[in-house]
C-alpha atoms as a PDB file:
ATOM      1  CA  MET A   1       8.663  24.824  -5.407  1.00  0.00           C
ATOM      2  CA  SER A   2       6.612  22.866  -7.977  1.00  0.00           C
ATOM      3  CA  SER A   3       3.230  21.713  -6.723  1.00  0.00           C
ATOM      4  CA  ALA A   4       0.332  19.631  -7.976  1.00  0.00           C
ATOM      5  CA  LEU A   5      -3.144  18.475  -7.015  1.00  0.00           C
ATOM      6  CA  ILE A   6      -4.273  15.001  -8.079  1.00  0.00           C
ATOM      7  CA  VAL A   7      -7.977  14.425  -8.737  1.00  0.00           C
ATOM      8  CA  PHE A   8      -7.900  11.136  -6.874  1.00  0.00           C
ATOM      9  CA  SER A   9     -10.526   8.394  -6.917  1.00  0.00           C
ATOM     10  CA  GLY A  10      -8.356   5.609  -5.563  1.00  0.00           C
ATOM     11  CA  GLY A  11      -8.619   3.762  -8.873  1.00  0.00           C
ATOM     12  CA  GLN A  12      -5.942   2.437 -11.197  1.00  0.00           C
ATOM     13  CA  ASP A  13      -5.631   5.576 -13.301  1.00  0.00           C
ATOM     14  CA  SER A  14      -5.500   8.121 -10.500  1.00  0.00           C
ATOM     15  CA  THR A  15      -3.103   5.963  -8.466  1.00  0.00           C
ATOM     16  CA  THR A  16      -0.801   5.801 -11.470  1.00  0.00           C
ATOM     17  CA  CYS A  17      -1.099   9.580 -11.831  1.00  0.00           C
ATOM     18  CA  LEU A  18      -0.247  10.016  -8.155  1.00  0.00           C
ATOM     19  CA  GLY A  19       2.918   7.973  -8.572  1.00  0.00           C
ATOM     20  CA  TRP A  20       3.763   9.944 -11.710  1.00  0.00           C
ATOM     21  CA  ALA A  21       3.260  13.268  -9.929  1.00  0.00           C
ATOM     22  CA  LYS A  22       5.269  12.345  -6.834  1.00  0.00           C
ATOM     23  CA  ASN A  23       8.243  11.665  -9.092  1.00  0.00           C
ATOM     24  CA  ARG A  24       7.963  15.101 -10.712  1.00  0.00           C
ATOM     25  CA  TYR A  25       6.685  17.646  -8.196  1.00  0.00           C
ATOM     26  CA  ASP A  26       8.086  18.897  -4.906  1.00  0.00           C
ATOM     27  CA  HIS A  27       4.679  19.037  -3.232  1.00  0.00           C
ATOM     28  CA  VAL A  28       1.641  16.894  -4.047  1.00  0.00           C
ATOM     29  CA  GLU A  29      -1.875  16.824  -2.595  1.00  0.00           C
ATOM     30  CA  THR A  30      -4.965  14.830  -3.568  1.00  0.00           C
ATOM     31  CA  ILE A  31      -8.669  15.606  -3.677  1.00  0.00           C
ATOM     32  CA  THR A  32     -11.312  12.864  -3.528  1.00  0.00           C
ATOM     33  CA  PHE A  33     -15.066  13.121  -4.068  1.00  0.00           C
ATOM     34  CA  ASP A  34     -17.738  11.340  -2.040  1.00  0.00           C
ATOM     35  CA  TYR A  35     -20.784  11.826  -4.272  1.00  0.00           C
ATOM     36  CA  GLY A  36     -22.986   8.861  -3.445  1.00  0.00           C
ATOM     37  CA  GLN A  37     -21.216   6.436  -5.774  1.00  0.00           C
ATOM     38  CA  LYS A  38     -22.205   2.766  -5.622  1.00  0.00           C
ATOM     39  CA  HIS A  39     -18.540   1.776  -5.350  1.00  0.00           C
ATOM     40  CA  SER A  40     -17.880   3.955  -2.290  1.00  0.00           C
ATOM     41  CA  VAL A  41     -15.212   1.482  -1.184  1.00  0.00           C
ATOM     42  CA  GLU A  42     -12.942   3.497  -3.458  1.00  0.00           C
ATOM     43  CA  LEU A  43     -12.963   6.202  -0.754  1.00  0.00           C
ATOM     44  CA  GLU A  44     -11.458   3.783   1.758  1.00  0.00           C
ATOM     45  CA  GLN A  45      -8.851   2.681  -0.760  1.00  0.00           C
ATOM     46  CA  ALA A  46      -8.001   6.286  -1.616  1.00  0.00           C
ATOM     47  CA  LYS A  47      -7.261   6.924   2.065  1.00  0.00           C
ATOM     48  CA  LYS A  48      -5.089   3.798   2.320  1.00  0.00           C
ATOM     49  CA  ILE A  49      -3.103   4.717  -0.785  1.00  0.00           C
ATOM     50  CA  THR A  50      -2.487   8.336   0.185  1.00  0.00           C
ATOM     51  CA  ASP A  51      -1.524   7.301   3.717  1.00  0.00           C
ATOM     52  CA  LYS A  52       1.021   4.836   2.336  1.00  0.00           C
ATOM     53  CA  LEU A  53       2.496   7.503   0.065  1.00  0.00           C
ATOM     54  CA  GLY A  54       2.422  10.214   2.742  1.00  0.00           C
ATOM     55  CA  VAL A  55       0.162  12.536   0.756  1.00  0.00           C
ATOM     56  CA  VAL A  56      -2.607  14.853   1.995  1.00  0.00           C
ATOM     57  CA  ASN A  57      -6.058  13.611   0.927  1.00  0.00           C
ATOM     58  CA  TYR A  58      -8.857  16.190   1.026  1.00  0.00           C
ATOM     59  CA  VAL A  59     -12.343  14.655   0.734  1.00  0.00           C
ATOM     60  CA  VAL A  60     -15.284  16.661  -0.618  1.00  0.00           C
ATOM     61  CA  LYS A  61     -18.751  15.267   0.067  1.00  0.00           C
ATOM     62  CA  PHE A  62     -21.916  16.321  -1.747  1.00  0.00           C
ATOM     63  CA  ASP A  63     -25.162  14.687  -2.854  1.00  0.00           C
ATOM     64  CA  ILE A  64     -26.227  16.610  -5.956  1.00  0.00           C
ATOM     65  CA  PHE A  65     -25.721  13.578  -8.191  1.00  0.00           C
ATOM     66  CA  SER A  66     -27.806  11.414  -5.876  1.00  0.00           C
ATOM     67  CA  GLN A  67     -30.559  14.026  -6.015  1.00  0.00           C
ATOM     68  CA  LEU A  68     -30.479  13.980  -9.797  1.00  0.00           C
ATOM     69  CA  ALA A  69     -30.281  10.151  -9.781  1.00  0.00           C
ATOM     70  CA  ASP A  70     -29.216  10.073 -13.411  1.00  0.00           C
ATOM     71  CA  SER A  71     -26.708   7.212 -13.462  1.00  0.00           C
ATOM     72  CA  ALA A  72     -26.481   3.520 -12.607  1.00  0.00           C
ATOM     73  CA  LEU A  73     -23.177   4.320 -10.890  1.00  0.00           C
ATOM     74  CA  LEU A  74     -25.027   5.939  -7.996  1.00  0.00           C
ATOM     75  CA  ASP A  75     -26.001   4.082  -4.840  1.00  0.00           C
ATOM     76  CA  VAL A  76     -29.579   5.405  -5.091  1.00  0.00           C
ATOM     77  CA  ASN A  77     -29.856   3.439  -8.353  1.00  0.00           C
ATOM     78  CA  SER A  78     -28.350   0.227  -6.988  1.00  0.00           C
ATOM     79  CA  ASN A  79     -30.920  -1.891  -8.843  1.00  0.00           C
ATOM     80  CA  GLN A  80     -29.976  -0.546 -12.283  1.00  0.00           C
ATOM     81  CA  ASP A  81     -27.842  -2.667 -14.584  1.00  0.00           C
ATOM     82  CA  ILE A  82     -24.347  -1.152 -14.657  1.00  0.00           C
ATOM     83  CA  ASN A  83     -23.642  -3.018 -17.926  1.00  0.00           C
ATOM     84  CA  ALA A  84     -26.566  -1.464 -19.792  1.00  0.00           C
ATOM     85  CA  SER A  85     -26.828   1.762 -21.773  1.00  0.00           C
ATOM     86  CA  HIS A  86     -27.665   5.083 -20.141  1.00  0.00           C
ATOM     87  CA  HIS A  87     -31.441   5.491 -19.927  1.00  0.00           C
ATOM     88  CA  ALA A  88     -31.431   9.014 -21.404  1.00  0.00           C
ATOM     89  CA  LYS A  89     -28.333   8.745 -23.623  1.00  0.00           C
ATOM     90  CA  PRO A  90     -28.369   5.286 -25.234  1.00  0.00           C
ATOM     91  CA  ASN A  91     -25.035   5.883 -26.972  1.00  0.00           C
ATOM     92  CA  LEU A  92     -23.372   6.185 -23.539  1.00  0.00           C
ATOM     93  CA  PRO A  93     -22.944   3.554 -20.792  1.00  0.00           C
ATOM     94  CA  ALA A  94     -25.296   3.425 -17.805  1.00  0.00           C
ATOM     95  CA  SER A  95     -22.345   4.382 -15.580  1.00  0.00           C
ATOM     96  CA  PHE A  96     -22.105   7.832 -17.182  1.00  0.00           C
ATOM     97  CA  VAL A  97     -22.772  10.589 -14.616  1.00  0.00           C
ATOM     98  CA  PRO A  98     -23.741  13.775 -16.486  1.00  0.00           C
ATOM     99  CA  ASN A  99     -21.360  16.686 -15.818  1.00  0.00           C
ATOM    100  CA  ARG A 100     -19.452  14.757 -13.156  1.00  0.00           C
ATOM    101  CA  ASN A 101     -15.980  15.663 -14.399  1.00  0.00           C
ATOM    102  CA  ALA A 102     -16.990  19.284 -14.975  1.00  0.00           C
ATOM    103  CA  ILE A 103     -17.993  19.566 -11.315  1.00  0.00           C
ATOM    104  CA  PHE A 104     -15.013  17.574 -10.046  1.00  0.00           C
ATOM    105  CA  PHE A 105     -12.503  19.674 -11.958  1.00  0.00           C
ATOM    106  CA  THR A 106     -14.208  22.948 -11.010  1.00  0.00           C
ATOM    107  CA  ILE A 107     -13.992  22.093  -7.305  1.00  0.00           C
ATOM    108  CA  ALA A 108     -10.416  20.891  -7.726  1.00  0.00           C
ATOM    109  CA  HIS A 109      -9.546  24.175  -9.433  1.00  0.00           C
ATOM    110  CA  ALA A 110     -11.005  26.143  -6.521  1.00  0.00           C
ATOM    111  CA  TYR A 111      -9.074  24.005  -4.026  1.00  0.00           C
ATOM    112  CA  ALA A 112      -5.861  24.478  -6.005  1.00  0.00           C
ATOM    113  CA  GLN A 113      -6.353  28.249  -5.853  1.00  0.00           C
ATOM    114  CA  LYS A 114      -6.844  28.078  -2.073  1.00  0.00           C
ATOM    115  CA  GLN A 115      -3.738  25.925  -1.571  1.00  0.00           C
ATOM    116  CA  GLY A 116      -1.572  27.747  -4.093  1.00  0.00           C
ATOM    117  CA  LEU A 117      -1.109  24.610  -6.206  1.00  0.00           C
ATOM    118  CA  LYS A 118      -0.008  25.278  -9.775  1.00  0.00           C
ATOM    119  CA  HIS A 119      -1.008  22.077 -11.571  1.00  0.00           C
ATOM    120  CA  ILE A 120      -4.011  19.751 -11.531  1.00  0.00           C
ATOM    121  CA  ILE A 121      -3.346  16.157 -12.562  1.00  0.00           C
ATOM    122  CA  THR A 122      -6.214  14.003 -13.829  1.00  0.00           C
ATOM    123  CA  GLY A 123      -6.382  10.436 -15.067  1.00  0.00           C
ATOM    124  CA  ILE A 124      -8.744  11.121 -17.953  1.00  0.00           C
ATOM    125  CA  ASN A 125      -8.141   8.926 -20.957  1.00  0.00           C
ATOM    126  CA  GLN A 126      -9.602   8.914 -24.454  1.00  0.00           C
ATOM    127  CA  THR A 127      -7.987   5.706 -25.732  1.00  0.00           C
ATOM    128  CA  ASP A 128      -9.384   2.944 -23.514  1.00  0.00           C
ATOM    129  CA  TYR A 129     -12.092   5.114 -21.985  1.00  0.00           C
ATOM    130  CA  SER A 130     -15.581   3.777 -21.318  1.00  0.00           C
ATOM    131  CA  GLY A 131     -17.392   6.053 -23.756  1.00  0.00           C
ATOM    132  CA  TYR A 132     -17.491   9.110 -21.505  1.00  0.00           C
ATOM    133  CA  PRO A 133     -17.433  12.346 -23.560  1.00  0.00           C
ATOM    134  CA  ASP A 134     -15.996  14.265 -20.579  1.00  0.00           C
ATOM    135  CA  CYS A 135     -12.795  12.202 -20.769  1.00  0.00           C
ATOM    136  CA  ARG A 136     -11.689  13.780 -24.037  1.00  0.00           C
ATOM    137  CA  ILE A 137      -8.885  16.281 -24.429  1.00  0.00           C
ATOM    138  CA  GLU A 138     -11.183  18.860 -26.067  1.00  0.00           C
ATOM    139  CA  PHE A 139     -13.299  18.934 -22.940  1.00  0.00           C
ATOM    140  CA  ILE A 140     -10.471  19.338 -20.443  1.00  0.00           C
ATOM    141  CA  GLU A 141      -8.699  22.005 -22.509  1.00  0.00           C
ATOM    142  CA  SER A 142     -11.823  24.121 -22.844  1.00  0.00           C
ATOM    143  CA  LEU A 143     -12.645  23.729 -19.141  1.00  0.00           C
ATOM    144  CA  GLU A 144      -9.118  24.693 -18.120  1.00  0.00           C
ATOM    145  CA  GLN A 145      -9.351  27.864 -20.177  1.00  0.00           C
ATOM    146  CA  SER A 146     -12.785  28.776 -18.819  1.00  0.00           C
ATOM    147  CA  LEU A 147     -11.849  28.173 -15.175  1.00  0.00           C
ATOM    148  CA  ASN A 148      -8.681  30.240 -15.454  1.00  0.00           C
ATOM    149  CA  ILE A 149     -10.498  33.086 -17.195  1.00  0.00           C
ATOM    150  CA  GLY A 150     -13.253  33.024 -14.599  1.00  0.00           C
ATOM    151  CA  SER A 151     -10.887  33.150 -11.629  1.00  0.00           C
ATOM    152  CA  GLU A 152      -7.921  35.164 -12.963  1.00  0.00           C
ATOM    153  CA  SER A 153      -5.756  32.092 -12.437  1.00  0.00           C
ATOM    154  CA  ASP A 154      -3.011  30.319 -14.339  1.00  0.00           C
ATOM    155  CA  ILE A 155      -3.444  26.739 -13.187  1.00  0.00           C
ATOM    156  CA  SER A 156      -2.581  24.102 -15.760  1.00  0.00           C
ATOM    157  CA  PHE A 157      -4.224  20.712 -16.167  1.00  0.00           C
ATOM    158  CA  LYS A 158      -1.998  17.721 -16.856  1.00  0.00           C
ATOM    159  CA  TYR A 159      -3.295  14.374 -18.096  1.00  0.00           C
ATOM    160  CA  PRO A 160      -0.432  11.873 -18.451  1.00  0.00           C
ATOM    161  CA  LEU A 161      -2.728   8.977 -19.412  1.00  0.00           C
ATOM    162  CA  ILE A 162      -4.733  10.743 -22.119  1.00  0.00           C
ATOM    163  CA  HIS A 163      -3.384   8.683 -25.029  1.00  0.00           C
ATOM    164  CA  LEU A 164      -2.442   5.479 -23.175  1.00  0.00           C
ATOM    165  CA  THR A 165      -4.136   2.099 -23.358  1.00  0.00           C
ATOM    166  CA  LYS A 166      -4.846   0.265 -20.112  1.00  0.00           C
ATOM    167  CA  ALA A 167      -1.853  -1.974 -20.827  1.00  0.00           C
ATOM    168  CA  GLN A 168       0.356   1.095 -21.184  1.00  0.00           C
ATOM    169  CA  THR A 169      -1.097   2.474 -17.948  1.00  0.00           C
ATOM    170  CA  PHE A 170       0.027  -0.681 -16.140  1.00  0.00           C
ATOM    171  CA  GLU A 171       3.441  -0.226 -17.728  1.00  0.00           C
ATOM    172  CA  LEU A 172       3.614   3.390 -16.564  1.00  0.00           C
ATOM    173  CA  ALA A 173       2.615   2.369 -13.020  1.00  0.00           C
ATOM    174  CA  LYS A 174       5.557  -0.026 -12.965  1.00  0.00           C
ATOM    175  CA  LYS A 175       7.909   2.646 -14.285  1.00  0.00           C
ATOM    176  CA  GLU A 176       6.765   5.108 -11.624  1.00  0.00           C
ATOM    177  CA  GLY A 177       7.104   2.532  -8.821  1.00  0.00           C
ATOM    178  CA  VAL A 178       3.411   2.102  -7.924  1.00  0.00           C
ATOM    179  CA  LEU A 179       2.378  -1.076  -9.765  1.00  0.00           C
ATOM    180  CA  ASP A 180       2.141  -3.158  -6.584  1.00  0.00           C
ATOM    181  CA  LEU A 181       0.033  -0.415  -5.008  1.00  0.00           C
ATOM    182  CA  VAL A 182      -2.236  -0.347  -8.063  1.00  0.00           C
ATOM    183  CA  LEU A 183      -2.746  -4.113  -7.956  1.00  0.00           C
ATOM    184  CA  GLU A 184      -3.251  -4.458  -4.211  1.00  0.00           C
ATOM    185  CA  GLU A 185      -4.980  -1.251  -3.133  1.00  0.00           C
ATOM    186  CA  SER A 186      -6.547   0.597  -6.065  1.00  0.00           C
ATOM    187  CA  HIS A 187     -10.246   0.060  -6.765  1.00  0.00           C
ATOM    188  CA  THR A 188     -12.051   0.437 -10.094  1.00  0.00           C
ATOM    189  CA  CYS A 189     -14.917  -2.092  -9.905  1.00  0.00           C
ATOM    190  CA  TYR A 190     -18.252  -0.307 -10.407  1.00  0.00           C
ATOM    191  CA  ASN A 191     -19.998  -2.863  -8.194  1.00  0.00           C
ATOM    192  CA  GLY A 192     -17.683  -2.183  -5.283  1.00  0.00           C
ATOM    193  CA  GLU A 193     -16.543  -5.796  -4.994  1.00  0.00           C
ATOM    194  CA  ARG A 194     -13.291  -6.476  -3.119  1.00  0.00           C
ATOM    195  CA  LEU A 195     -13.788 -10.100  -2.098  1.00  0.00           C
ATOM    196  CA  ASP A 196     -11.971 -11.725  -5.009  1.00  0.00           C
ATOM    197  CA  ARG A 197      -8.345 -10.967  -5.908  1.00  0.00           C
ATOM    198  CA  TYR A 198      -7.348 -11.537  -9.505  1.00  0.00           C
ATOM    199  CA  ASP A 199      -3.980 -11.031 -11.189  1.00  0.00           C
ATOM    200  CA  TRP A 200      -5.115  -7.535 -12.163  1.00  0.00           C
ATOM    201  CA  GLY A 201      -6.467  -6.599  -8.724  1.00  0.00           C
ATOM    202  CA  TYR A 202      -9.797  -6.788  -6.870  1.00  0.00           C
ATOM    203  CA  GLY A 203     -13.232  -6.641  -8.477  1.00  0.00           C
ATOM    204  CA  CYS A 204     -16.333  -8.434  -9.713  1.00  0.00           C
ATOM    205  CA  ASP A 205     -14.753  -9.497 -13.037  1.00  0.00           C
ATOM    206  CA  ASP A 206     -17.976  -8.546 -14.820  1.00  0.00           C
ATOM    207  CA  CYS A 207     -18.630  -4.787 -14.875  1.00  0.00           C
ATOM    208  CA  PRO A 208     -17.173  -2.601 -17.668  1.00  0.00           C
ATOM    209  CA  ALA A 209     -14.406  -1.258 -15.391  1.00  0.00           C
ATOM    210  CA  CYS A 210     -13.261  -4.748 -14.392  1.00  0.00           C
ATOM    211  CA  ILE A 211     -13.363  -6.045 -17.957  1.00  0.00           C
ATOM    212  CA  LEU A 212     -11.309  -3.117 -19.217  1.00  0.00           C
ATOM    213  CA  ARG A 213      -8.777  -3.506 -16.418  1.00  0.00           C
ATOM    214  CA  LYS A 214      -8.531  -7.267 -16.945  1.00  0.00           C
ATOM    215  CA  GLN A 215      -8.019  -6.903 -20.699  1.00  0.00           C
ATOM    216  CA  GLY A 216      -5.359  -4.249 -20.113  1.00  0.00           C
ATOM    217  CA  TRP A 217      -3.524  -6.493 -17.671  1.00  0.00           C
ATOM    218  CA  GLU A 218      -3.552  -9.445 -20.065  1.00  0.00           C
ATOM    219  CA  GLU A 219      -2.171  -7.267 -22.848  1.00  0.00           C
ATOM    220  CA  TYR A 220       0.460  -5.810 -20.507  1.00  0.00           C
ATOM    221  CA  LYS A 221       1.647  -9.262 -19.469  1.00  0.00           C
ATOM    222  CA  THR A 222       2.107 -10.368 -23.083  1.00  0.00           C
ATOM    223  CA  THR A 223       4.248  -7.379 -24.120  1.00  0.00           C
END
């Protein structure tokens, strides 16, 4: 039986990956991280989405990032400008959380070992990404190799969105049958806003995540 674990935030990309995986694997589970993010509403949306799709959602909670307080994406830094540059790495956005994906994927790898899951699906993307160096294929390939060597495992990472634009991600969501779910339930807004519903979904219409999603939707609708 083919099996997969989705690193699941409840956002557009991971929801699209979940739909993609459910159409390809016999058994699918999700893992979600509660790490003190400012947009913690994504945790609620992740639960709603997995419940609707009948998928197990395992939530891991930790506060190491909040202790380090090294990103405007964290609730402890709620007064920082999410649209600015990172205070210590000016070539990166303020929303960059150092080593976040490395920790996420390491925990996911351990969970996959425990559950006997053979594949880990992530929504990392290096085309329309927000400038995060840990969303590049070189990073995920090297981490996959290291984690398997260090645990005598043979778990493969899959990243179906790696070369897609946001418009193409919307197109894939439609193809996989989850576009309505992406628009109505997924959450990507860094400010955690879900009061206003736009054509592309809910958000503040101002943060980098909303702008990228909006631009992708407009391009998708014109193709």
